Amino acid sequence: MKKFIRGAGLLLLAMGSSAVMAVPITGNIAFTGLSTDDGTTLTFTGSSATVTYVDGSFAAEGVIAVDPVAGTAGDIATFTSFDYTTNPFTAISPLWTVGGFSFNLETVVIGASGPGVDLALSGTGTLMRAGYDNTAYNWAYSGNDIGGGVLQVFSSASAPVSVPEPGSLALLGLGLVGFAVTGYKRRRAQV
């Protein structure tokens, strides 16, 4: 029994120490710019967009968002044009890059258009930067026609996908080990 408890303790210690080393990317980032849409391909004018909002890891790593009050110009992100109608969708690697971060778009869903939104896209992918773990992120695009149905002003944002943290999983595992030990002791006491 002591060997079992010692082994379970060492396993939990190993799980906890590996979880501490994981550094996922956190926070949100948003962009705005011009794009064209020919009905199948989204092309980003100048292959770029201005960063309009950052927090979390983006702010910590020095990515700058536009601030009209302070007169600060936002960083410029580089975007890759892509065909959003292919089925199955071919991953875009990377869709955008800025400040050492890059986002690979892996899925795309065409959303509903309506008043003020001429093209709505969403998807998921992987956000990467040296010194961080690759992190699952969501992406959204909203384009509004301003030039005869082809030129669009767009906004785009990326936010983390919710996943259980390793600490919660370790706590669940510890609870299951506790139940196993209690059951073992009860069975042993009945013999």
N, C-alpha and C. Protein backbone atom coordinates (compact mmCIF):
# COMPACT_ATOMS: atom_id res chain seq x y z
N MET A 1 0.82 -1.19 0.00
CA MET A 1 0.00 0.00 0.00
C MET A 1 0.87 1.25 0.00
N LYS A 2 1.93 1.22 0.82
CA LYS A 2 2.82 2.39 0.88
C LYS A 2 3.49 2.62 -0.47
N LYS A 3 3.84 1.54 -1.15
CA LYS A 3 4.45 1.68 -2.47
C LYS A 3 3.47 2.31 -3.45
N PHE A 4 2.19 1.92 -3.35
CA PHE A 4 1.17 2.49 -4.23
C PHE A 4 1.02 3.99 -3.98
N ILE A 5 0.93 4.38 -2.73
CA ILE A 5 0.78 5.80 -2.40
C ILE A 5 2.01 6.58 -2.83
N ARG A 6 3.20 6.02 -2.57
CA ARG A 6 4.44 6.69 -2.98
C ARG A 6 4.48 6.83 -4.51
N GLY A 7 4.10 5.78 -5.22
CA GLY A 7 4.09 5.83 -6.69
C GLY A 7 3.09 6.84 -7.22
N ALA A 8 1.89 6.88 -6.61
CA ALA A 8 0.88 7.85 -7.04
C ALA A 8 1.35 9.27 -6.76
N GLY A 9 2.00 9.48 -5.62
CA GLY A 9 2.53 10.80 -5.29
C GLY A 9 3.60 11.24 -6.27
N LEU A 10 4.50 10.34 -6.64
CA LEU A 10 5.54 10.68 -7.62
C LEU A 10 4.93 10.97 -8.98
N LEU A 11 3.90 10.23 -9.36
CA LEU A 11 3.23 10.47 -10.63
C LEU A 11 2.58 11.85 -10.64
N LEU A 12 1.90 12.21 -9.57
CA LEU A 12 1.28 13.53 -9.48
C LEU A 12 2.32 14.64 -9.48
N LEU A 13 3.44 14.41 -8.79
CA LEU A 13 4.52 15.39 -8.78
C LEU A 13 5.08 15.58 -10.19
N ALA A 14 5.26 14.50 -10.92
CA ALA A 14 5.76 14.60 -12.29
C ALA A 14 4.76 15.32 -13.18
N MET A 15 3.46 15.02 -13.01
CA MET A 15 2.44 15.71 -13.81
C MET A 15 2.42 17.19 -13.49
N GLY A 16 2.53 17.53 -12.23
CA GLY A 16 2.49 18.93 -11.83
C GLY A 16 3.70 19.70 -12.34
N SER A 17 4.88 19.08 -12.30
CA SER A 17 6.07 19.80 -12.75
C SER A 17 6.06 20.00 -14.26
N SER A 18 5.48 19.06 -15.01
CA SER A 18 5.42 19.27 -16.46
C SER A 18 4.38 20.32 -16.81
N ALA A 19 3.30 20.43 -16.03
CA ALA A 19 2.27 21.43 -16.30
C ALA A 19 2.80 22.83 -16.05
N VAL A 20 3.71 22.98 -15.08
CA VAL A 20 4.26 24.30 -14.79
C VAL A 20 5.10 24.80 -15.95
N MET A 21 5.72 23.90 -16.69
CA MET A 21 6.59 24.29 -17.79
C MET A 21 5.79 24.74 -19.01
N ALA A 22 4.52 24.37 -19.10
CA ALA A 22 3.70 24.74 -20.25
C ALA A 22 3.37 26.24 -20.18
N VAL A 23 3.59 26.93 -21.28
CA VAL A 23 3.31 28.36 -21.34
C VAL A 23 2.42 28.62 -22.56
N PRO A 24 1.10 28.49 -22.39
CA PRO A 24 0.22 28.75 -23.53
C PRO A 24 0.13 30.25 -23.80
N ILE A 25 -0.18 30.59 -25.03
CA ILE A 25 -0.41 31.99 -25.39
C ILE A 25 -1.78 32.37 -24.85
N THR A 26 -1.87 33.55 -24.25
CA THR A 26 -3.14 34.02 -23.70
C THR A 26 -3.50 35.36 -24.33
N GLY A 27 -4.75 35.74 -24.19
CA GLY A 27 -5.17 37.06 -24.62
C GLY A 27 -5.83 37.08 -25.97
N ASN A 28 -6.16 38.30 -26.38
CA ASN A 28 -6.89 38.53 -27.62
C ASN A 28 -6.13 39.55 -28.46
N ILE A 29 -6.39 39.50 -29.77
CA ILE A 29 -5.81 40.47 -30.69
C ILE A 29 -6.85 40.76 -31.77
N ALA A 30 -6.92 42.02 -32.19
CA ALA A 30 -7.88 42.41 -33.23
C ALA A 30 -7.18 43.27 -34.27
N PHE A 31 -7.68 43.23 -35.50
CA PHE A 31 -7.09 43.94 -36.63
C PHE A 31 -8.19 44.66 -37.41
N THR A 32 -7.79 45.64 -38.20
CA THR A 32 -8.68 46.23 -39.18
C THR A 32 -7.87 46.59 -40.41
N GLY A 33 -8.53 46.58 -41.57
CA GLY A 33 -7.84 46.89 -42.81
C GLY A 33 -8.79 46.82 -43.99
N LEU A 34 -8.23 46.78 -45.19
CA LEU A 34 -9.01 46.68 -46.42
C LEU A 34 -8.76 45.33 -47.07
N SER A 35 -9.81 44.79 -47.69
CA SER A 35 -9.68 43.52 -48.40
C SER A 35 -10.61 43.54 -49.60
N THR A 36 -10.38 42.60 -50.50
CA THR A 36 -11.30 42.41 -51.62
C THR A 36 -11.81 40.98 -51.57
N ASP A 37 -13.05 40.82 -52.03
CA ASP A 37 -13.69 39.51 -52.03
C ASP A 37 -14.33 39.32 -53.40
N ASP A 38 -13.86 38.31 -54.15
CA ASP A 38 -14.43 38.05 -55.47
C ASP A 38 -15.47 36.94 -55.44
N GLY A 39 -15.91 36.56 -54.24
CA GLY A 39 -16.90 35.50 -54.10
C GLY A 39 -16.29 34.17 -53.70
N THR A 40 -14.98 34.02 -53.87
CA THR A 40 -14.30 32.79 -53.45
C THR A 40 -13.00 33.08 -52.71
N THR A 41 -12.31 34.14 -53.12
CA THR A 41 -10.99 34.43 -52.56
C THR A 41 -11.01 35.74 -51.79
N LEU A 42 -10.45 35.71 -50.61
CA LEU A 42 -10.31 36.88 -49.77
C LEU A 42 -8.88 37.38 -49.92
N THR A 43 -8.71 38.59 -50.44
CA THR A 43 -7.39 39.17 -50.65
C THR A 43 -7.25 40.40 -49.77
N PHE A 44 -6.19 40.45 -49.00
CA PHE A 44 -5.96 41.55 -48.07
C PHE A 44 -5.14 42.62 -48.77
N THR A 45 -5.70 43.84 -48.89
CA THR A 45 -5.05 44.95 -49.58
C THR A 45 -3.71 45.25 -48.93
N GLY A 46 -2.65 45.23 -49.74
CA GLY A 46 -1.31 45.45 -49.20
C GLY A 46 -0.82 44.30 -48.35
N SER A 47 -1.57 43.20 -48.34
CA SER A 47 -1.26 42.03 -47.51
C SER A 47 -1.07 42.39 -46.05
N SER A 48 -1.78 43.44 -45.60
CA SER A 48 -1.56 43.87 -44.23
C SER A 48 -2.83 44.41 -43.58
N ALA A 49 -2.76 44.57 -42.26
CA ALA A 49 -3.84 45.15 -41.47
C ALA A 49 -3.21 45.76 -40.22
N THR A 50 -3.91 46.73 -39.64
CA THR A 50 -3.42 47.41 -38.44
C THR A 50 -3.97 46.74 -37.19
N VAL A 51 -3.11 46.55 -36.20
CA VAL A 51 -3.53 45.99 -34.91
C VAL A 51 -4.34 47.06 -34.17
N THR A 52 -5.57 46.69 -33.75
CA THR A 52 -6.44 47.65 -33.07
C THR A 52 -6.66 47.33 -31.60
N TYR A 53 -6.34 46.11 -31.16
CA TYR A 53 -6.51 45.73 -29.76
C TYR A 53 -5.59 44.58 -29.42
N VAL A 54 -4.96 44.63 -28.24
CA VAL A 54 -4.16 43.52 -27.73
C VAL A 54 -4.30 43.45 -26.22
N ASP A 55 -4.18 42.24 -25.70
CA ASP A 55 -4.01 42.04 -24.26
C ASP A 55 -3.28 40.71 -24.07
N GLY A 56 -3.07 40.30 -22.83
CA GLY A 56 -2.42 39.03 -22.54
C GLY A 56 -1.01 38.95 -23.09
N SER A 57 -0.68 37.81 -23.69
CA SER A 57 0.67 37.57 -24.22
C SER A 57 1.06 38.56 -25.29
N PHE A 58 0.09 39.01 -26.09
CA PHE A 58 0.39 39.96 -27.16
C PHE A 58 0.94 41.26 -26.57
N ALA A 59 0.27 41.79 -25.55
CA ALA A 59 0.73 43.02 -24.90
C ALA A 59 2.05 42.78 -24.18
N ALA A 60 2.17 41.63 -23.52
CA ALA A 60 3.40 41.32 -22.78
C ALA A 60 4.61 41.24 -23.71
N GLU A 61 4.40 40.82 -24.95
CA GLU A 61 5.50 40.70 -25.90
C GLU A 61 5.70 41.96 -26.73
N GLY A 62 4.99 43.03 -26.40
CA GLY A 62 5.23 44.32 -27.04
C GLY A 62 4.49 44.60 -28.33
N VAL A 63 3.46 43.81 -28.65
CA VAL A 63 2.64 44.12 -29.82
C VAL A 63 1.83 45.37 -29.47
N ILE A 64 1.82 46.36 -30.35
CA ILE A 64 1.20 47.66 -30.06
C ILE A 64 -0.09 47.81 -30.87
N ALA A 65 -1.15 48.22 -30.17
CA ALA A 65 -2.43 48.50 -30.82
C ALA A 65 -2.54 50.00 -31.05
N VAL A 66 -3.27 50.37 -32.10
CA VAL A 66 -3.49 51.79 -32.39
C VAL A 66 -4.20 52.45 -31.21
N ASP A 67 -3.76 53.66 -30.86
CA ASP A 67 -4.38 54.43 -29.78
C ASP A 67 -4.53 55.87 -30.25
N PRO A 68 -5.71 56.24 -30.76
CA PRO A 68 -5.89 57.58 -31.30
C PRO A 68 -5.72 58.68 -30.25
N VAL A 69 -6.06 58.40 -29.01
CA VAL A 69 -5.93 59.40 -27.95
C VAL A 69 -4.46 59.73 -27.70
N ALA A 70 -3.62 58.68 -27.62
CA ALA A 70 -2.19 58.89 -27.38
C ALA A 70 -1.43 59.19 -28.67
N GLY A 71 -2.11 59.02 -29.80
CA GLY A 71 -1.46 59.24 -31.08
C GLY A 71 -0.50 58.12 -31.47
N THR A 72 -0.73 56.91 -30.94
CA THR A 72 0.12 55.76 -31.22
C THR A 72 -0.41 55.00 -32.43
N ALA A 73 0.46 54.74 -33.38
CA ALA A 73 0.10 53.90 -34.53
C ALA A 73 0.23 52.44 -34.12
N GLY A 74 -0.70 51.61 -34.54
CA GLY A 74 -0.64 50.19 -34.22
C GLY A 74 0.35 49.46 -35.11
N ASP A 75 0.82 48.32 -34.63
CA ASP A 75 1.69 47.47 -35.44
C ASP A 75 0.94 47.01 -36.68
N ILE A 76 1.69 46.69 -37.72
CA ILE A 76 1.11 46.20 -38.97
C ILE A 76 1.29 44.68 -39.02
N ALA A 77 0.18 43.98 -39.19
CA ALA A 77 0.20 42.52 -39.32
C ALA A 77 0.19 42.17 -40.80
N THR A 78 0.89 41.11 -41.16
CA THR A 78 0.91 40.61 -42.53
C THR A 78 -0.12 39.50 -42.66
N PHE A 79 -1.00 39.60 -43.66
CA PHE A 79 -2.04 38.61 -43.90
C PHE A 79 -1.80 37.89 -45.22
N THR A 80 -2.22 36.63 -45.30
CA THR A 80 -2.13 35.83 -46.52
C THR A 80 -3.53 35.67 -47.11
N SER A 81 -3.67 35.94 -48.39
CA SER A 81 -4.95 35.77 -49.08
C SER A 81 -5.28 34.29 -49.19
N PHE A 82 -6.59 33.95 -49.25
CA PHE A 82 -6.95 32.54 -49.35
C PHE A 82 -8.35 32.37 -49.94
N ASP A 83 -8.58 31.18 -50.48
CA ASP A 83 -9.89 30.78 -51.01
C ASP A 83 -10.67 30.17 -49.86
N TYR A 84 -11.75 30.82 -49.48
CA TYR A 84 -12.53 30.35 -48.33
C TYR A 84 -13.64 29.39 -48.71
N THR A 85 -13.76 29.04 -50.00
CA THR A 85 -14.84 28.15 -50.44
C THR A 85 -14.39 26.73 -50.72
N THR A 86 -13.09 26.44 -50.67
CA THR A 86 -12.63 25.08 -50.97
C THR A 86 -13.19 24.09 -49.95
N ASN A 87 -13.54 22.91 -50.44
CA ASN A 87 -14.06 21.88 -49.57
C ASN A 87 -13.43 20.56 -49.96
N PRO A 88 -12.62 19.95 -49.13
CA PRO A 88 -12.28 20.38 -47.78
C PRO A 88 -11.33 21.59 -47.81
N PHE A 89 -11.40 22.37 -46.75
CA PHE A 89 -10.58 23.58 -46.63
C PHE A 89 -9.11 23.21 -46.52
N THR A 90 -8.27 23.94 -47.24
CA THR A 90 -6.82 23.75 -47.16
C THR A 90 -6.26 24.75 -46.17
N ALA A 91 -5.55 24.27 -45.16
CA ALA A 91 -5.01 25.13 -44.11
C ALA A 91 -4.14 26.24 -44.70
N ILE A 92 -4.21 27.42 -44.08
CA ILE A 92 -3.42 28.57 -44.50
C ILE A 92 -2.33 28.77 -43.45
N SER A 93 -1.08 28.64 -43.87
CA SER A 93 0.03 28.67 -42.93
C SER A 93 1.08 29.67 -43.36
N PRO A 94 1.17 30.82 -42.71
CA PRO A 94 0.27 31.38 -41.71
C PRO A 94 -0.78 32.26 -42.37
N LEU A 95 -1.91 32.46 -41.67
CA LEU A 95 -2.91 33.42 -42.12
C LEU A 95 -2.42 34.83 -41.81
N TRP A 96 -1.90 35.01 -40.58
CA TRP A 96 -1.36 36.33 -40.23
C TRP A 96 -0.14 36.18 -39.33
N THR A 97 0.72 37.20 -39.36
CA THR A 97 1.88 37.28 -38.49
C THR A 97 2.04 38.72 -38.00
N VAL A 98 2.47 38.85 -36.75
CA VAL A 98 2.79 40.16 -36.19
C VAL A 98 3.58 39.94 -34.89
N GLY A 99 4.61 40.73 -34.68
CA GLY A 99 5.36 40.70 -33.43
C GLY A 99 5.91 39.34 -33.04
N GLY A 100 6.25 38.51 -34.00
CA GLY A 100 6.76 37.17 -33.70
C GLY A 100 5.67 36.12 -33.55
N PHE A 101 4.41 36.53 -33.49
CA PHE A 101 3.29 35.60 -33.43
C PHE A 101 2.87 35.24 -34.85
N SER A 102 2.45 33.99 -35.05
CA SER A 102 1.87 33.60 -36.34
C SER A 102 0.69 32.67 -36.09
N PHE A 103 -0.34 32.82 -36.93
CA PHE A 103 -1.57 32.07 -36.78
C PHE A 103 -1.82 31.25 -38.03
N ASN A 104 -1.90 29.93 -37.87
CA ASN A 104 -2.24 29.03 -38.97
C ASN A 104 -3.74 28.73 -38.91
N LEU A 105 -4.46 29.10 -39.97
CA LEU A 105 -5.89 28.86 -40.04
C LEU A 105 -6.13 27.45 -40.55
N GLU A 106 -6.89 26.64 -39.78
CA GLU A 106 -7.08 25.23 -40.12
C GLU A 106 -8.51 24.89 -40.55
N THR A 107 -9.49 25.68 -40.12
CA THR A 107 -10.88 25.47 -40.53
C THR A 107 -11.53 26.81 -40.82
N VAL A 108 -12.52 26.81 -41.71
CA VAL A 108 -13.28 28.03 -42.01
C VAL A 108 -14.75 27.67 -42.14
N VAL A 109 -15.59 28.52 -41.57
CA VAL A 109 -17.04 28.39 -41.70
C VAL A 109 -17.55 29.73 -42.24
N ILE A 110 -18.36 29.68 -43.29
CA ILE A 110 -18.95 30.90 -43.84
C ILE A 110 -20.21 31.19 -43.04
N GLY A 111 -20.25 32.38 -42.45
CA GLY A 111 -21.38 32.77 -41.61
C GLY A 111 -22.44 33.51 -42.41
N ALA A 112 -23.50 33.89 -41.71
CA ALA A 112 -24.60 34.62 -42.33
C ALA A 112 -24.23 36.08 -42.56
N SER A 113 -24.60 36.59 -43.73
CA SER A 113 -24.41 38.01 -44.00
C SER A 113 -25.73 38.71 -43.72
N GLY A 114 -25.66 40.01 -43.61
CA GLY A 114 -26.87 40.78 -43.32
C GLY A 114 -26.54 42.25 -43.30
N PRO A 115 -27.40 43.06 -42.73
CA PRO A 115 -27.14 44.51 -42.69
C PRO A 115 -25.81 44.82 -42.02
N GLY A 116 -24.93 45.47 -42.74
CA GLY A 116 -23.64 45.86 -42.19
C GLY A 116 -22.57 44.79 -42.25
N VAL A 117 -22.92 43.57 -42.66
CA VAL A 117 -21.95 42.49 -42.77
C VAL A 117 -22.17 41.80 -44.11
N ASP A 118 -21.24 42.01 -45.04
CA ASP A 118 -21.36 41.41 -46.36
C ASP A 118 -20.66 40.06 -46.47
N LEU A 119 -19.66 39.83 -45.60
CA LEU A 119 -19.00 38.53 -45.56
C LEU A 119 -18.59 38.26 -44.12
N ALA A 120 -19.03 37.14 -43.58
CA ALA A 120 -18.67 36.73 -42.22
C ALA A 120 -18.01 35.36 -42.29
N LEU A 121 -16.82 35.25 -41.75
CA LEU A 121 -16.10 33.99 -41.70
C LEU A 121 -15.65 33.74 -40.26
N SER A 122 -15.56 32.49 -39.88
CA SER A 122 -14.97 32.13 -38.59
C SER A 122 -14.22 30.83 -38.79
N GLY A 123 -13.35 30.54 -37.85
CA GLY A 123 -12.58 29.31 -37.96
C GLY A 123 -11.71 29.09 -36.75
N THR A 124 -10.95 28.02 -36.82
CA THR A 124 -10.02 27.68 -35.75
C THR A 124 -8.65 27.42 -36.34
N GLY A 125 -7.66 27.50 -35.48
CA GLY A 125 -6.31 27.24 -35.93
C GLY A 125 -5.35 27.21 -34.76
N THR A 126 -4.07 27.35 -35.08
CA THR A 126 -3.02 27.28 -34.07
C THR A 126 -2.21 28.56 -34.09
N LEU A 127 -2.05 29.14 -32.91
CA LEU A 127 -1.24 30.35 -32.73
C LEU A 127 0.11 29.93 -32.18
N MET A 128 1.18 30.49 -32.74
CA MET A 128 2.52 30.10 -32.36
C MET A 128 3.41 31.32 -32.11
N ARG A 129 4.39 31.16 -31.23
CA ARG A 129 5.46 32.12 -31.01
C ARG A 129 6.55 31.41 -30.24
N ALA A 130 7.80 31.71 -30.56
CA ALA A 130 8.92 31.11 -29.85
C ALA A 130 8.79 31.41 -28.36
N GLY A 131 9.05 30.41 -27.52
CA GLY A 131 8.97 30.56 -26.08
C GLY A 131 7.61 30.22 -25.50
N TYR A 132 6.64 29.91 -26.36
CA TYR A 132 5.28 29.55 -25.93
C TYR A 132 4.91 28.22 -26.55
N ASP A 133 3.94 27.55 -25.90
CA ASP A 133 3.36 26.35 -26.51
C ASP A 133 2.46 26.77 -27.67
N ASN A 134 2.38 25.93 -28.69
CA ASN A 134 1.38 26.15 -29.74
C ASN A 134 0.01 26.09 -29.07
N THR A 135 -0.85 27.07 -29.36
CA THR A 135 -2.11 27.22 -28.64
C THR A 135 -3.27 27.28 -29.62
N ALA A 136 -4.33 26.51 -29.33
CA ALA A 136 -5.53 26.53 -30.17
C ALA A 136 -6.24 27.88 -30.02
N TYR A 137 -6.60 28.50 -31.14
CA TYR A 137 -7.25 29.81 -31.13
C TYR A 137 -8.42 29.82 -32.12
N ASN A 138 -9.40 30.65 -31.83
CA ASN A 138 -10.50 30.93 -32.76
C ASN A 138 -10.17 32.18 -33.56
N TRP A 139 -10.76 32.29 -34.76
CA TRP A 139 -10.55 33.45 -35.62
C TRP A 139 -11.89 33.87 -36.19
N ALA A 140 -12.10 35.18 -36.33
CA ALA A 140 -13.34 35.69 -36.92
C ALA A 140 -13.00 36.83 -37.88
N TYR A 141 -13.78 36.93 -38.94
CA TYR A 141 -13.62 37.98 -39.97
C TYR A 141 -14.99 38.54 -40.28
N SER A 142 -15.08 39.85 -40.38
CA SER A 142 -16.31 40.51 -40.78
C SER A 142 -15.96 41.59 -41.79
N GLY A 143 -16.49 41.48 -43.02
CA GLY A 143 -16.19 42.45 -44.07
C GLY A 143 -17.43 43.20 -44.52
N ASN A 144 -17.28 44.49 -44.73
CA ASN A 144 -18.38 45.34 -45.17
C ASN A 144 -18.00 46.02 -46.48
N ASP A 145 -18.85 45.89 -47.52
CA ASP A 145 -18.57 46.48 -48.83
C ASP A 145 -18.51 48.00 -48.75
N ILE A 146 -17.47 48.57 -49.39
CA ILE A 146 -17.37 50.03 -49.47
C ILE A 146 -17.06 50.49 -50.89
N GLY A 147 -16.84 49.55 -51.80
CA GLY A 147 -16.44 49.94 -53.14
C GLY A 147 -17.09 49.12 -54.23
N GLY A 148 -18.38 49.23 -54.39
CA GLY A 148 -19.04 48.53 -55.49
C GLY A 148 -19.15 47.04 -55.29
N GLY A 149 -19.16 46.56 -54.04
CA GLY A 149 -19.35 45.14 -53.78
C GLY A 149 -18.08 44.32 -53.81
N VAL A 150 -16.92 44.92 -54.08
CA VAL A 150 -15.67 44.16 -54.11
C VAL A 150 -14.75 44.57 -52.97
N LEU A 151 -14.50 45.86 -52.79
CA LEU A 151 -13.61 46.34 -51.74
C LEU A 151 -14.35 46.33 -50.40
N GLN A 152 -13.73 45.77 -49.39
CA GLN A 152 -14.34 45.69 -48.07
C GLN A 152 -13.42 46.29 -47.02
N VAL A 153 -14.01 46.97 -46.03
CA VAL A 153 -13.28 47.30 -44.82
C VAL A 153 -13.56 46.12 -43.90
N PHE A 154 -12.53 45.60 -43.24
CA PHE A 154 -12.75 44.41 -42.43
C PHE A 154 -12.21 44.57 -41.02
N SER A 155 -12.75 43.74 -40.15
CA SER A 155 -12.20 43.58 -38.81
C SER A 155 -12.00 42.09 -38.62
N SER A 156 -10.96 41.76 -37.90
CA SER A 156 -10.63 40.36 -37.66
C SER A 156 -10.13 40.25 -36.23
N ALA A 157 -10.41 39.15 -35.58
CA ALA A 157 -9.96 38.96 -34.20
C ALA A 157 -9.61 37.50 -33.97
N SER A 158 -8.71 37.27 -33.02
CA SER A 158 -8.34 35.92 -32.61
C SER A 158 -8.42 35.85 -31.10
N ALA A 159 -8.97 34.75 -30.59
CA ALA A 159 -9.13 34.55 -29.15
C ALA A 159 -8.88 33.08 -28.84
N PRO A 160 -8.39 32.77 -27.63
CA PRO A 160 -8.07 31.38 -27.30
C PRO A 160 -9.30 30.49 -27.25
N VAL A 161 -9.10 29.23 -27.60
CA VAL A 161 -10.13 28.20 -27.48
C VAL A 161 -10.10 27.71 -26.03
N SER A 162 -11.26 27.52 -25.42
CA SER A 162 -11.32 27.05 -24.04
C SER A 162 -10.96 25.57 -23.98
N VAL A 163 -9.96 25.25 -23.17
CA VAL A 163 -9.56 23.86 -22.93
C VAL A 163 -9.29 23.71 -21.44
N PRO A 164 -9.51 22.51 -20.88
CA PRO A 164 -9.23 22.33 -19.45
C PRO A 164 -7.75 22.52 -19.17
N GLU A 165 -7.45 23.19 -18.09
CA GLU A 165 -6.05 23.40 -17.74
C GLU A 165 -5.48 22.14 -17.10
N PRO A 166 -4.16 21.92 -17.22
CA PRO A 166 -3.55 20.70 -16.65
C PRO A 166 -3.77 20.57 -15.15
N GLY A 167 -3.81 21.69 -14.43
CA GLY A 167 -4.02 21.62 -12.98
C GLY A 167 -5.36 21.01 -12.62
N SER A 168 -6.41 21.35 -13.39
CA SER A 168 -7.73 20.78 -13.14
C SER A 168 -7.73 19.28 -13.41
N LEU A 169 -7.04 18.88 -14.45
CA LEU A 169 -6.97 17.45 -14.76
C LEU A 169 -6.19 16.70 -13.68
N ALA A 170 -5.13 17.31 -13.16
CA ALA A 170 -4.36 16.68 -12.09
C ALA A 170 -5.20 16.55 -10.83
N LEU A 171 -6.01 17.57 -10.53
CA LEU A 171 -6.89 17.52 -9.36
C LEU A 171 -7.93 16.42 -9.52
N LEU A 172 -8.48 16.28 -10.72
CA LEU A 172 -9.41 15.19 -10.98
C LEU A 172 -8.72 13.84 -10.77
N GLY A 173 -7.51 13.69 -11.28
CA GLY A 173 -6.76 12.46 -11.11
C GLY A 173 -6.49 12.15 -9.64
N LEU A 174 -6.15 13.18 -8.87
CA LEU A 174 -5.91 12.99 -7.44
C LEU A 174 -7.18 12.52 -6.74
N GLY A 175 -8.32 13.08 -7.12
CA GLY A 175 -9.59 12.64 -6.54
C GLY A 175 -9.88 11.19 -6.86
N LEU A 176 -9.61 10.78 -8.10
CA LEU A 176 -9.84 9.38 -8.48
C LEU A 176 -8.91 8.44 -7.72
N VAL A 177 -7.65 8.86 -7.51
CA VAL A 177 -6.72 8.05 -6.72
C VAL A 177 -7.23 7.93 -5.29
N GLY A 178 -7.78 9.03 -4.74
CA GLY A 178 -8.34 8.99 -3.39
C GLY A 178 -9.48 8.00 -3.27
N PHE A 179 -10.37 7.98 -4.27
CA PHE A 179 -11.46 7.01 -4.27
C PHE A 179 -10.92 5.59 -4.33
N ALA A 180 -9.90 5.37 -5.12
CA ALA A 180 -9.32 4.02 -5.25
C ALA A 180 -8.71 3.58 -3.93
N VAL A 181 -8.00 4.46 -3.26
CA VAL A 181 -7.37 4.11 -1.98
C VAL A 181 -8.44 3.82 -0.94
N THR A 182 -9.49 4.64 -0.88
CA THR A 182 -10.58 4.42 0.08
C THR A 182 -11.25 3.07 -0.17
N GLY A 183 -11.53 2.76 -1.42
CA GLY A 183 -12.14 1.47 -1.76
C GLY A 183 -11.24 0.30 -1.38
N TYR A 184 -9.94 0.46 -1.61
CA TYR A 184 -8.99 -0.59 -1.26
C TYR A 184 -8.99 -0.83 0.23
N LYS A 185 -8.98 0.25 1.02
CA LYS A 185 -8.95 0.13 2.48
C LYS A 185 -10.24 -0.53 2.99
N ARG A 186 -11.39 -0.18 2.41
CA ARG A 186 -12.66 -0.78 2.84
C ARG A 186 -12.69 -2.28 2.55
N ARG A 187 -12.24 -2.64 1.36
CA ARG A 187 -12.21 -4.08 1.01
C ARG A 187 -11.27 -4.84 1.93
N ARG A 188 -10.15 -4.24 2.23
CA ARG A 188 -9.16 -4.90 3.08
C ARG A 188 -9.68 -5.03 4.51
N ALA A 189 -10.42 -4.04 5.01
CA ALA A 189 -10.95 -4.08 6.36
C ALA A 189 -12.05 -5.13 6.49
N GLN A 190 -12.76 -5.43 5.42
CA GLN A 190 -13.84 -6.41 5.48
C GLN A 190 -13.32 -7.84 5.48
N VAL A 191 -12.08 -8.05 5.08
CA VAL A 191 -11.53 -9.41 5.00
C VAL A 191 -11.11 -9.92 6.33
